Amino acid sequence: ERLVASSLFFTQKLGDRTTLMLGKINAVDLLAGDPFFGGWARDRFTNVAFVAPPSGVVPPTIMGAVLSDRVDAWSVTFMAFDPEDRTNDYWPDDLFDSGVNLSLGATWTGEIAGRTSSLGITGTYSTKVGADLSDLLLPPDVQGGTEEGSYNVALSGSHLLYELEDSPGKGLGVYVKAATADGNPNPIQSSVIGGFTGYGVIPNRPDDVVGIGYYHYQWSDDLKSGVAPALSVADETGIEFFYNLAVPPWFRLTADL
């Protein structure tokens, strides 16, 4: 066993609108403020599809830079990071040796029908060279091919169906995220994730949180054909429900199905 710091980064404000993060950053930490995703499998959902939706181009822990800028209702985020997982590294001397990942996202936050809503798009591209998934079952003495470059493009949206009067931005909301990817060397072809979370929606329980989520991941067509007939790779679908009970607010019990 070993103890690791999942995130170790430096943050600098650049004026009133812009923030720069440099260092080692766990992907779940980037979702800390999201009411549906994130939560470290402790505060909300436990399935990784909701905690940190896999994209095939963002490792669990990144090392690089995140630049965020906000203008009125729009926020724009640019990321440049190493394509390898850096969970066990702190200052590797081989940073960017296998390529670079670049990500650009834009999110609008405002009101639709008088309630807090958001719409966003994020695209991530990796220059890392990966194995050709259609060649996975070649004989040991035969060299398989490679594929250079991988991407993931995701659209997201949210809308509060009911908003708490004393907590703007919180209440009962619907959330959705749909993505498409190259499918080779990215093992993911497409995905859709969505559901509901509710904060304080039960009378006299202002600190309780409830949620239900659905996800569907379509795995790469090249991956499916590359391992057939030895293996069968099926697309994955799941549903999760949780209720987080604030016994008092500092002590919580969660039921999860």
C-alpha atoms as a PDB file:
ATOM      1  CA  GLU A   1       0.000   0.000   0.000  1.00  0.00           C
ATOM      2  CA  ARG A   2       1.070   3.584  -0.595  1.00  0.00           C
ATOM      3  CA  LEU A   3      -0.394   6.989   0.128  1.00  0.00           C
ATOM      4  CA  VAL A   4      -0.657   9.396  -2.799  1.00  0.00           C
ATOM      5  CA  ALA A   5      -1.905  12.964  -3.144  1.00  0.00           C
ATOM      6  CA  SER A   6      -4.654  12.786  -5.768  1.00  0.00           C
ATOM      7  CA  SER A   7      -4.252  16.495  -6.521  1.00  0.00           C
ATOM      8  CA  LEU A   8      -1.332  18.839  -5.982  1.00  0.00           C
ATOM      9  CA  PHE A   9      -1.618  22.070  -7.936  1.00  0.00           C
ATOM     10  CA  PHE A  10      -1.045  25.826  -7.896  1.00  0.00           C
ATOM     11  CA  THR A  11      -3.904  28.270  -8.556  1.00  0.00           C
ATOM     12  CA  GLN A  12      -3.488  31.898  -9.620  1.00  0.00           C
ATOM     13  CA  LYS A  13      -6.138  34.531 -10.296  1.00  0.00           C
ATOM     14  CA  LEU A  14      -5.379  36.584 -13.399  1.00  0.00           C
ATOM     15  CA  GLY A  15      -7.610  39.602 -12.987  1.00  0.00           C
ATOM     16  CA  ASP A  16     -11.269  39.367 -12.057  1.00  0.00           C
ATOM     17  CA  ARG A  17     -12.302  36.872 -14.736  1.00  0.00           C
ATOM     18  CA  THR A  18      -9.476  34.402 -15.311  1.00  0.00           C
ATOM     19  CA  THR A  19      -8.041  31.565 -13.212  1.00  0.00           C
ATOM     20  CA  LEU A  20      -4.982  29.435 -13.973  1.00  0.00           C
ATOM     21  CA  MET A  21      -4.319  26.008 -12.431  1.00  0.00           C
ATOM     22  CA  LEU A  22      -0.949  24.272 -12.819  1.00  0.00           C
ATOM     23  CA  GLY A  23       0.110  20.853 -11.561  1.00  0.00           C
ATOM     24  CA  LYS A  24      -1.391  17.472 -10.793  1.00  0.00           C
ATOM     25  CA  ILE A  25      -5.192  17.467 -10.811  1.00  0.00           C
ATOM     26  CA  ASN A  26      -7.600  14.599 -10.202  1.00  0.00           C
ATOM     27  CA  ALA A  27     -10.407  14.675 -12.767  1.00  0.00           C
ATOM     28  CA  VAL A  28     -13.058  14.313 -10.031  1.00  0.00           C
ATOM     29  CA  ASP A  29     -11.836  17.539  -8.414  1.00  0.00           C
ATOM     30  CA  LEU A  30     -12.753  19.417 -11.605  1.00  0.00           C
ATOM     31  CA  LEU A  31     -16.392  18.380 -10.998  1.00  0.00           C
ATOM     32  CA  ALA A  32     -16.512  19.473  -7.355  1.00  0.00           C
ATOM     33  CA  GLY A  33     -19.065  22.211  -8.002  1.00  0.00           C
ATOM     34  CA  ASP A  34     -21.358  20.153 -10.214  1.00  0.00           C
ATOM     35  CA  PRO A  35     -24.715  19.199  -8.606  1.00  0.00           C
ATOM     36  CA  PHE A  36     -25.029  15.926 -10.582  1.00  0.00           C
ATOM     37  CA  PHE A  37     -21.577  14.626 -11.539  1.00  0.00           C
ATOM     38  CA  GLY A  38     -18.558  14.327  -9.233  1.00  0.00           C
ATOM     39  CA  GLY A  39     -18.963  13.747  -5.519  1.00  0.00           C
ATOM     40  CA  TRP A  40     -16.114  11.244  -5.062  1.00  0.00           C
ATOM     41  CA  ALA A  41     -18.633   8.351  -4.791  1.00  0.00           C
ATOM     42  CA  ARG A  42     -19.444   9.696  -1.335  1.00  0.00           C
ATOM     43  CA  ASP A  43     -21.754  12.691  -1.680  1.00  0.00           C
ATOM     44  CA  ARG A  44     -23.910  11.499  -4.590  1.00  0.00           C
ATOM     45  CA  PHE A  45     -23.605   8.612  -7.062  1.00  0.00           C
ATOM     46  CA  THR A  46     -21.073   5.774  -6.748  1.00  0.00           C
ATOM     47  CA  ASN A  47     -20.800   4.557 -10.353  1.00  0.00           C
ATOM     48  CA  VAL A  48     -17.842   6.016 -12.260  1.00  0.00           C
ATOM     49  CA  ALA A  49     -20.171   6.899 -15.168  1.00  0.00           C
ATOM     50  CA  PHE A  50     -21.651   9.614 -12.918  1.00  0.00           C
ATOM     51  CA  VAL A  51     -18.673  10.394 -10.668  1.00  0.00           C
ATOM     52  CA  ALA A  52     -16.201  11.008 -13.533  1.00  0.00           C
ATOM     53  CA  PRO A  53     -17.697  10.015 -16.917  1.00  0.00           C
ATOM     54  CA  PRO A  54     -15.005   8.189 -18.933  1.00  0.00           C
ATOM     55  CA  SER A  55     -14.170   9.870 -22.243  1.00  0.00           C
ATOM     56  CA  GLY A  56     -11.245   7.742 -23.390  1.00  0.00           C
ATOM     57  CA  VAL A  57      -8.988  10.818 -23.656  1.00  0.00           C
ATOM     58  CA  VAL A  58      -8.878  12.141 -20.065  1.00  0.00           C
ATOM     59  CA  PRO A  59      -6.914   9.979 -17.590  1.00  0.00           C
ATOM     60  CA  PRO A  60      -7.995   9.750 -13.911  1.00  0.00           C
ATOM     61  CA  THR A  61      -5.266  12.193 -12.854  1.00  0.00           C
ATOM     62  CA  ILE A  62      -3.900  14.778 -15.267  1.00  0.00           C
ATOM     63  CA  MET A  63      -0.739  16.869 -15.120  1.00  0.00           C
ATOM     64  CA  GLY A  64      -0.708  20.152 -16.973  1.00  0.00           C
ATOM     65  CA  ALA A  65      -2.551  23.464 -17.063  1.00  0.00           C
ATOM     66  CA  VAL A  66      -6.208  24.522 -16.827  1.00  0.00           C
ATOM     67  CA  LEU A  67      -7.113  28.091 -17.841  1.00  0.00           C
ATOM     68  CA  SER A  68     -10.658  29.305 -17.101  1.00  0.00           C
ATOM     69  CA  ASP A  69     -12.216  32.612 -18.127  1.00  0.00           C
ATOM     70  CA  ARG A  70     -15.712  33.935 -17.439  1.00  0.00           C
ATOM     71  CA  VAL A  71     -17.477  36.656 -19.427  1.00  0.00           C
ATOM     72  CA  ASP A  72     -21.014  37.464 -18.303  1.00  0.00           C
ATOM     73  CA  ALA A  73     -23.053  34.242 -18.697  1.00  0.00           C
ATOM     74  CA  TRP A  74     -20.279  32.358 -20.503  1.00  0.00           C
ATOM     75  CA  SER A  75     -17.340  30.441 -19.084  1.00  0.00           C
ATOM     76  CA  VAL A  76     -14.549  29.122 -21.309  1.00  0.00           C
ATOM     77  CA  THR A  77     -12.000  26.511 -20.197  1.00  0.00           C
ATOM     78  CA  PHE A  78      -8.807  25.519 -21.994  1.00  0.00           C
ATOM     79  CA  MET A  79      -6.719  22.552 -20.840  1.00  0.00           C
ATOM     80  CA  ALA A  80      -3.319  21.230 -21.937  1.00  0.00           C
ATOM     81  CA  PHE A  81      -2.133  18.089 -20.173  1.00  0.00           C
ATOM     82  CA  ASP A  82      -0.116  14.894 -20.461  1.00  0.00           C
ATOM     83  CA  PRO A  83      -2.111  11.992 -21.967  1.00  0.00           C
ATOM     84  CA  GLU A  84      -0.804   9.474 -19.395  1.00  0.00           C
ATOM     85  CA  ASP A  85      -2.344   8.851 -15.971  1.00  0.00           C
ATOM     86  CA  ARG A  86      -0.216  10.722 -13.376  1.00  0.00           C
ATOM     87  CA  THR A  87      -1.769   9.342 -10.188  1.00  0.00           C
ATOM     88  CA  ASN A  88       1.571   8.119  -8.826  1.00  0.00           C
ATOM     89  CA  ASP A  89       3.721  10.975 -10.184  1.00  0.00           C
ATOM     90  CA  TYR A  90       4.505  14.395  -8.812  1.00  0.00           C
ATOM     91  CA  TRP A  91       7.190  15.830 -11.091  1.00  0.00           C
ATOM     92  CA  PRO A  92       7.874  13.325 -13.896  1.00  0.00           C
ATOM     93  CA  ASP A  93      10.787  14.004 -16.222  1.00  0.00           C
ATOM     94  CA  ASP A  94       8.921  12.378 -19.141  1.00  0.00           C
ATOM     95  CA  LEU A  95       6.036  14.852 -19.258  1.00  0.00           C
ATOM     96  CA  PHE A  96       4.485  14.992 -22.771  1.00  0.00           C
ATOM     97  CA  ASP A  97       6.829  12.264 -24.080  1.00  0.00           C
ATOM     98  CA  SER A  98       3.863  10.293 -25.455  1.00  0.00           C
ATOM     99  CA  GLY A  99       1.998  13.322 -26.794  1.00  0.00           C
ATOM    100  CA  VAL A 100      -0.271  16.076 -25.565  1.00  0.00           C
ATOM    101  CA  ASN A 101      -3.991  16.398 -24.859  1.00  0.00           C
ATOM    102  CA  LEU A 102      -5.794  19.652 -25.645  1.00  0.00           C
ATOM    103  CA  SER A 103      -9.303  20.454 -24.475  1.00  0.00           C
ATOM    104  CA  LEU A 104     -11.564  23.452 -25.095  1.00  0.00           C
ATOM    105  CA  GLY A 105     -14.976  23.903 -23.508  1.00  0.00           C
ATOM    106  CA  ALA A 106     -17.619  26.627 -23.333  1.00  0.00           C
ATOM    107  CA  THR A 107     -20.627  26.740 -20.982  1.00  0.00           C
ATOM    108  CA  TRP A 108     -23.560  29.145 -20.862  1.00  0.00           C
ATOM    109  CA  THR A 109     -25.354  29.558 -17.527  1.00  0.00           C
ATOM    110  CA  GLY A 110     -28.562  31.544 -17.262  1.00  0.00           C
ATOM    111  CA  GLU A 111     -32.308  31.101 -16.921  1.00  0.00           C
ATOM    112  CA  ILE A 112     -34.863  29.234 -19.007  1.00  0.00           C
ATOM    113  CA  ALA A 113     -38.495  29.672 -17.985  1.00  0.00           C
ATOM    114  CA  GLY A 114     -37.265  31.614 -14.950  1.00  0.00           C
ATOM    115  CA  ARG A 115     -35.096  28.807 -13.555  1.00  0.00           C
ATOM    116  CA  THR A 116     -31.351  28.211 -13.539  1.00  0.00           C
ATOM    117  CA  SER A 117     -30.161  26.337 -16.642  1.00  0.00           C
ATOM    118  CA  SER A 118     -26.933  25.610 -18.488  1.00  0.00           C
ATOM    119  CA  LEU A 119     -25.723  24.461 -21.913  1.00  0.00           C
ATOM    120  CA  GLY A 120     -22.171  23.431 -22.707  1.00  0.00           C
ATOM    121  CA  ILE A 121     -19.878  21.846 -25.265  1.00  0.00           C
ATOM    122  CA  THR A 122     -16.401  20.390 -24.700  1.00  0.00           C
ATOM    123  CA  GLY A 123     -13.968  18.911 -27.189  1.00  0.00           C
ATOM    124  CA  THR A 124     -10.783  17.037 -26.269  1.00  0.00           C
ATOM    125  CA  TYR A 125      -8.091  15.841 -28.695  1.00  0.00           C
ATOM    126  CA  SER A 126      -5.096  13.638 -27.926  1.00  0.00           C
ATOM    127  CA  THR A 127      -2.000  13.195 -30.099  1.00  0.00           C
ATOM    128  CA  LYS A 128      -1.032   9.987 -28.283  1.00  0.00           C
ATOM    129  CA  VAL A 129      -0.440   6.945 -30.488  1.00  0.00           C
ATOM    130  CA  GLY A 130      -2.576   3.948 -29.510  1.00  0.00           C
ATOM    131  CA  ALA A 131      -2.989   0.363 -30.620  1.00  0.00           C
ATOM    132  CA  ASP A 132      -5.262  -0.309 -33.584  1.00  0.00           C
ATOM    133  CA  LEU A 133      -8.230  -1.930 -31.816  1.00  0.00           C
ATOM    134  CA  SER A 134      -9.095  -3.991 -34.870  1.00  0.00           C
ATOM    135  CA  ASP A 135      -5.717  -5.832 -34.547  1.00  0.00           C
ATOM    136  CA  LEU A 136      -5.960  -6.887 -30.899  1.00  0.00           C
ATOM    137  CA  LEU A 137      -6.128 -10.656 -31.534  1.00  0.00           C
ATOM    138  CA  LEU A 138      -3.254 -10.986 -33.993  1.00  0.00           C
ATOM    139  CA  PRO A 139      -0.805 -13.895 -33.356  1.00  0.00           C
ATOM    140  CA  PRO A 140       2.019 -13.047 -30.896  1.00  0.00           C
ATOM    141  CA  ASP A 141       4.625 -12.996 -33.694  1.00  0.00           C
ATOM    142  CA  VAL A 142       2.647 -10.511 -35.796  1.00  0.00           C
ATOM    143  CA  GLN A 143       3.039  -6.794 -35.107  1.00  0.00           C
ATOM    144  CA  GLY A 144      -0.285  -4.991 -34.887  1.00  0.00           C
ATOM    145  CA  GLY A 145      -0.934  -1.553 -36.304  1.00  0.00           C
ATOM    146  CA  THR A 146      -1.303   1.742 -34.497  1.00  0.00           C
ATOM    147  CA  GLU A 147      -3.637   4.708 -34.700  1.00  0.00           C
ATOM    148  CA  GLU A 148      -2.514   8.270 -34.001  1.00  0.00           C
ATOM    149  CA  GLY A 149      -4.899  10.808 -32.550  1.00  0.00           C
ATOM    150  CA  SER A 150      -8.104  10.409 -30.564  1.00  0.00           C
ATOM    151  CA  TYR A 151     -10.992  12.716 -29.686  1.00  0.00           C
ATOM    152  CA  ASN A 152     -14.139  13.102 -27.633  1.00  0.00           C
ATOM    153  CA  VAL A 153     -16.822  15.775 -28.124  1.00  0.00           C
ATOM    154  CA  ALA A 154     -19.525  16.181 -25.467  1.00  0.00           C
ATOM    155  CA  LEU A 155     -22.703  18.246 -25.202  1.00  0.00           C
ATOM    156  CA  SER A 156     -24.240  18.885 -21.797  1.00  0.00           C
ATOM    157  CA  GLY A 157     -27.271  20.626 -20.377  1.00  0.00           C
ATOM    158  CA  SER A 158     -29.141  21.152 -17.123  1.00  0.00           C
ATOM    159  CA  HIS A 159     -32.377  22.752 -15.972  1.00  0.00           C
ATOM    160  CA  LEU A 160     -33.906  23.204 -12.527  1.00  0.00           C
ATOM    161  CA  LEU A 161     -37.512  22.029 -12.399  1.00  0.00           C
ATOM    162  CA  TYR A 162     -37.851  23.415  -8.873  1.00  0.00           C
ATOM    163  CA  GLU A 163     -35.505  25.950  -7.263  1.00  0.00           C
ATOM    164  CA  LEU A 164     -35.048  26.553  -3.536  1.00  0.00           C
ATOM    165  CA  GLU A 165     -35.867  30.110  -2.522  1.00  0.00           C
ATOM    166  CA  ASP A 166     -32.976  30.425  -0.069  1.00  0.00           C
ATOM    167  CA  SER A 167     -30.419  28.512  -2.211  1.00  0.00           C
ATOM    168  CA  PRO A 168     -30.290  29.813  -5.794  1.00  0.00           C
ATOM    169  CA  GLY A 169     -29.020  27.190  -8.229  1.00  0.00           C
ATOM    170  CA  LYS A 170     -30.172  24.287  -6.051  1.00  0.00           C
ATOM    171  CA  GLY A 171     -33.390  22.305  -6.031  1.00  0.00           C
ATOM    172  CA  LEU A 172     -34.713  19.528  -8.265  1.00  0.00           C
ATOM    173  CA  GLY A 173     -32.881  19.487 -11.579  1.00  0.00           C
ATOM    174  CA  VAL A 174     -32.548  17.415 -14.744  1.00  0.00           C
ATOM    175  CA  TYR A 175     -29.078  16.840 -16.204  1.00  0.00           C
ATOM    176  CA  VAL A 176     -27.846  15.259 -19.429  1.00  0.00           C
ATOM    177  CA  LYS A 177     -24.518  14.691 -21.186  1.00  0.00           C
ATOM    178  CA  ALA A 178     -24.078  13.100 -24.622  1.00  0.00           C
ATOM    179  CA  ALA A 179     -20.724  12.418 -26.261  1.00  0.00           C
ATOM    180  CA  THR A 180     -19.216  10.973 -29.405  1.00  0.00           C
ATOM    181  CA  ALA A 181     -15.661   9.724 -29.943  1.00  0.00           C
ATOM    182  CA  ASP A 182     -13.440   8.304 -32.699  1.00  0.00           C
ATOM    183  CA  GLY A 183     -13.725   4.682 -31.554  1.00  0.00           C
ATOM    184  CA  ASN A 184     -10.160   3.761 -32.539  1.00  0.00           C
ATOM    185  CA  PRO A 185      -7.817   4.031 -30.687  1.00  0.00           C
ATOM    186  CA  ASN A 186     -10.422   5.381 -28.249  1.00  0.00           C
ATOM    187  CA  PRO A 187     -12.326   2.307 -26.955  1.00  0.00           C
ATOM    188  CA  ILE A 188     -15.452   4.478 -26.598  1.00  0.00           C
ATOM    189  CA  GLN A 189     -17.729   5.161 -29.582  1.00  0.00           C
ATOM    190  CA  SER A 190     -20.434   7.209 -27.880  1.00  0.00           C
ATOM    191  CA  SER A 191     -22.215   7.699 -24.573  1.00  0.00           C
ATOM    192  CA  VAL A 192     -25.262   9.301 -23.011  1.00  0.00           C
ATOM    193  CA  ILE A 193     -25.684  10.033 -19.304  1.00  0.00           C
ATOM    194  CA  GLY A 194     -28.554  11.766 -17.558  1.00  0.00           C
ATOM    195  CA  GLY A 195     -30.889  11.915 -14.627  1.00  0.00           C
ATOM    196  CA  PHE A 196     -32.183  13.968 -11.735  1.00  0.00           C
ATOM    197  CA  THR A 197     -30.798  15.233  -8.451  1.00  0.00           C
ATOM    198  CA  GLY A 198     -32.766  17.001  -5.777  1.00  0.00           C
ATOM    199  CA  TYR A 199     -31.519  19.097  -2.867  1.00  0.00           C
ATOM    200  CA  GLY A 200     -33.924  19.757  -0.012  1.00  0.00           C
ATOM    201  CA  VAL A 201     -36.951  18.689  -2.032  1.00  0.00           C
ATOM    202  CA  ILE A 202     -38.598  16.816   0.844  1.00  0.00           C
ATOM    203  CA  PRO A 203     -40.397  19.056   3.384  1.00  0.00           C
ATOM    204  CA  ASN A 204     -38.447  19.655   6.602  1.00  0.00           C
ATOM    205  CA  ARG A 205     -35.361  17.918   5.127  1.00  0.00           C
ATOM    206  CA  PRO A 206     -33.384  20.886   3.671  1.00  0.00           C
ATOM    207  CA  ASP A 207     -29.990  19.109   3.704  1.00  0.00           C
ATOM    208  CA  ASP A 208     -30.987  15.771   2.168  1.00  0.00           C
ATOM    209  CA  VAL A 209     -29.952  14.892  -1.395  1.00  0.00           C
ATOM    210  CA  VAL A 210     -31.681  12.414  -3.713  1.00  0.00           C
ATOM    211  CA  GLY A 211     -30.760  11.317  -7.214  1.00  0.00           C
ATOM    212  CA  ILE A 212     -31.472   8.880 -10.001  1.00  0.00           C
ATOM    213  CA  GLY A 213     -29.223   8.439 -13.015  1.00  0.00           C
ATOM    214  CA  TYR A 214     -29.050   6.488 -16.282  1.00  0.00           C
ATOM    215  CA  TYR A 215     -26.078   5.853 -18.537  1.00  0.00           C
ATOM    216  CA  HIS A 216     -25.369   4.023 -21.799  1.00  0.00           C
ATOM    217  CA  TYR A 217     -21.876   3.485 -23.189  1.00  0.00           C
ATOM    218  CA  GLN A 218     -21.384   2.221 -26.742  1.00  0.00           C
ATOM    219  CA  TRP A 219     -17.970   0.614 -27.062  1.00  0.00           C
ATOM    220  CA  SER A 220     -15.854   0.904 -30.189  1.00  0.00           C
ATOM    221  CA  ASP A 221     -17.054  -1.046 -33.239  1.00  0.00           C
ATOM    222  CA  ASP A 222     -13.393  -1.769 -34.070  1.00  0.00           C
ATOM    223  CA  LEU A 223     -12.866  -3.113 -30.548  1.00  0.00           C
ATOM    224  CA  LYS A 224     -15.860  -5.446 -30.882  1.00  0.00           C
ATOM    225  CA  SER A 225     -14.690  -6.794 -34.250  1.00  0.00           C
ATOM    226  CA  GLY A 226     -11.042  -6.912 -33.125  1.00  0.00           C
ATOM    227  CA  VAL A 227     -11.692  -9.345 -30.273  1.00  0.00           C
ATOM    228  CA  ALA A 228     -14.418 -11.430 -31.955  1.00  0.00           C
ATOM    229  CA  PRO A 229     -14.987 -14.362 -31.932  1.00  0.00           C
ATOM    230  CA  ALA A 230     -12.747 -14.991 -28.906  1.00  0.00           C
ATOM    231  CA  LEU A 231     -14.523 -12.388 -26.784  1.00  0.00           C
ATOM    232  CA  SER A 232     -17.880 -10.661 -26.866  1.00  0.00           C
ATOM    233  CA  VAL A 233     -17.891  -6.970 -25.938  1.00  0.00           C
ATOM    234  CA  ALA A 234     -21.375  -5.628 -25.221  1.00  0.00           C
ATOM    235  CA  ASP A 235     -22.439  -2.035 -24.781  1.00  0.00           C
ATOM    236  CA  GLU A 236     -23.084  -1.086 -21.165  1.00  0.00           C
ATOM    237  CA  THR A 237     -26.236   0.372 -19.631  1.00  0.00           C
ATOM    238  CA  GLY A 238     -26.855   1.168 -15.980  1.00  0.00           C
ATOM    239  CA  ILE A 239     -29.260   2.860 -13.580  1.00  0.00           C
ATOM    240  CA  GLU A 240     -28.448   4.101 -10.077  1.00  0.00           C
ATOM    241  CA  PHE A 241     -30.584   5.568  -7.295  1.00  0.00           C
ATOM    242  CA  PHE A 242     -29.363   7.117  -4.045  1.00  0.00           C
ATOM    243  CA  TYR A 243     -30.747   8.980  -1.048  1.00  0.00           C
ATOM    244  CA  ASN A 244     -28.293  10.916   1.124  1.00  0.00           C
ATOM    245  CA  LEU A 245     -29.815  11.514   4.565  1.00  0.00           C
ATOM    246  CA  ALA A 246     -28.453  14.331   6.757  1.00  0.00           C
ATOM    247  CA  VAL A 247     -29.039  12.847  10.202  1.00  0.00           C
ATOM    248  CA  PRO A 248     -27.720  16.055  11.292  1.00  0.00           C
ATOM    249  CA  PRO A 249     -25.883  17.896   8.447  1.00  0.00           C
ATOM    250  CA  TRP A 250     -22.462  16.812   9.761  1.00  0.00           C
ATOM    251  CA  PHE A 251     -23.388  13.094   9.853  1.00  0.00           C
ATOM    252  CA  ARG A 252     -24.825  11.469   6.738  1.00  0.00           C
ATOM    253  CA  LEU A 253     -26.190   8.072   5.782  1.00  0.00           C
ATOM    254  CA  THR A 254     -26.657   7.067   2.150  1.00  0.00           C
ATOM    255  CA  ALA A 255     -28.843   4.323   0.700  1.00  0.00           C
ATOM    256  CA  ASP A 256     -27.750   3.353  -2.826  1.00  0.00           C
ATOM    257  CA  LEU A 257     -29.179   0.946  -5.384  1.00  0.00           C
END
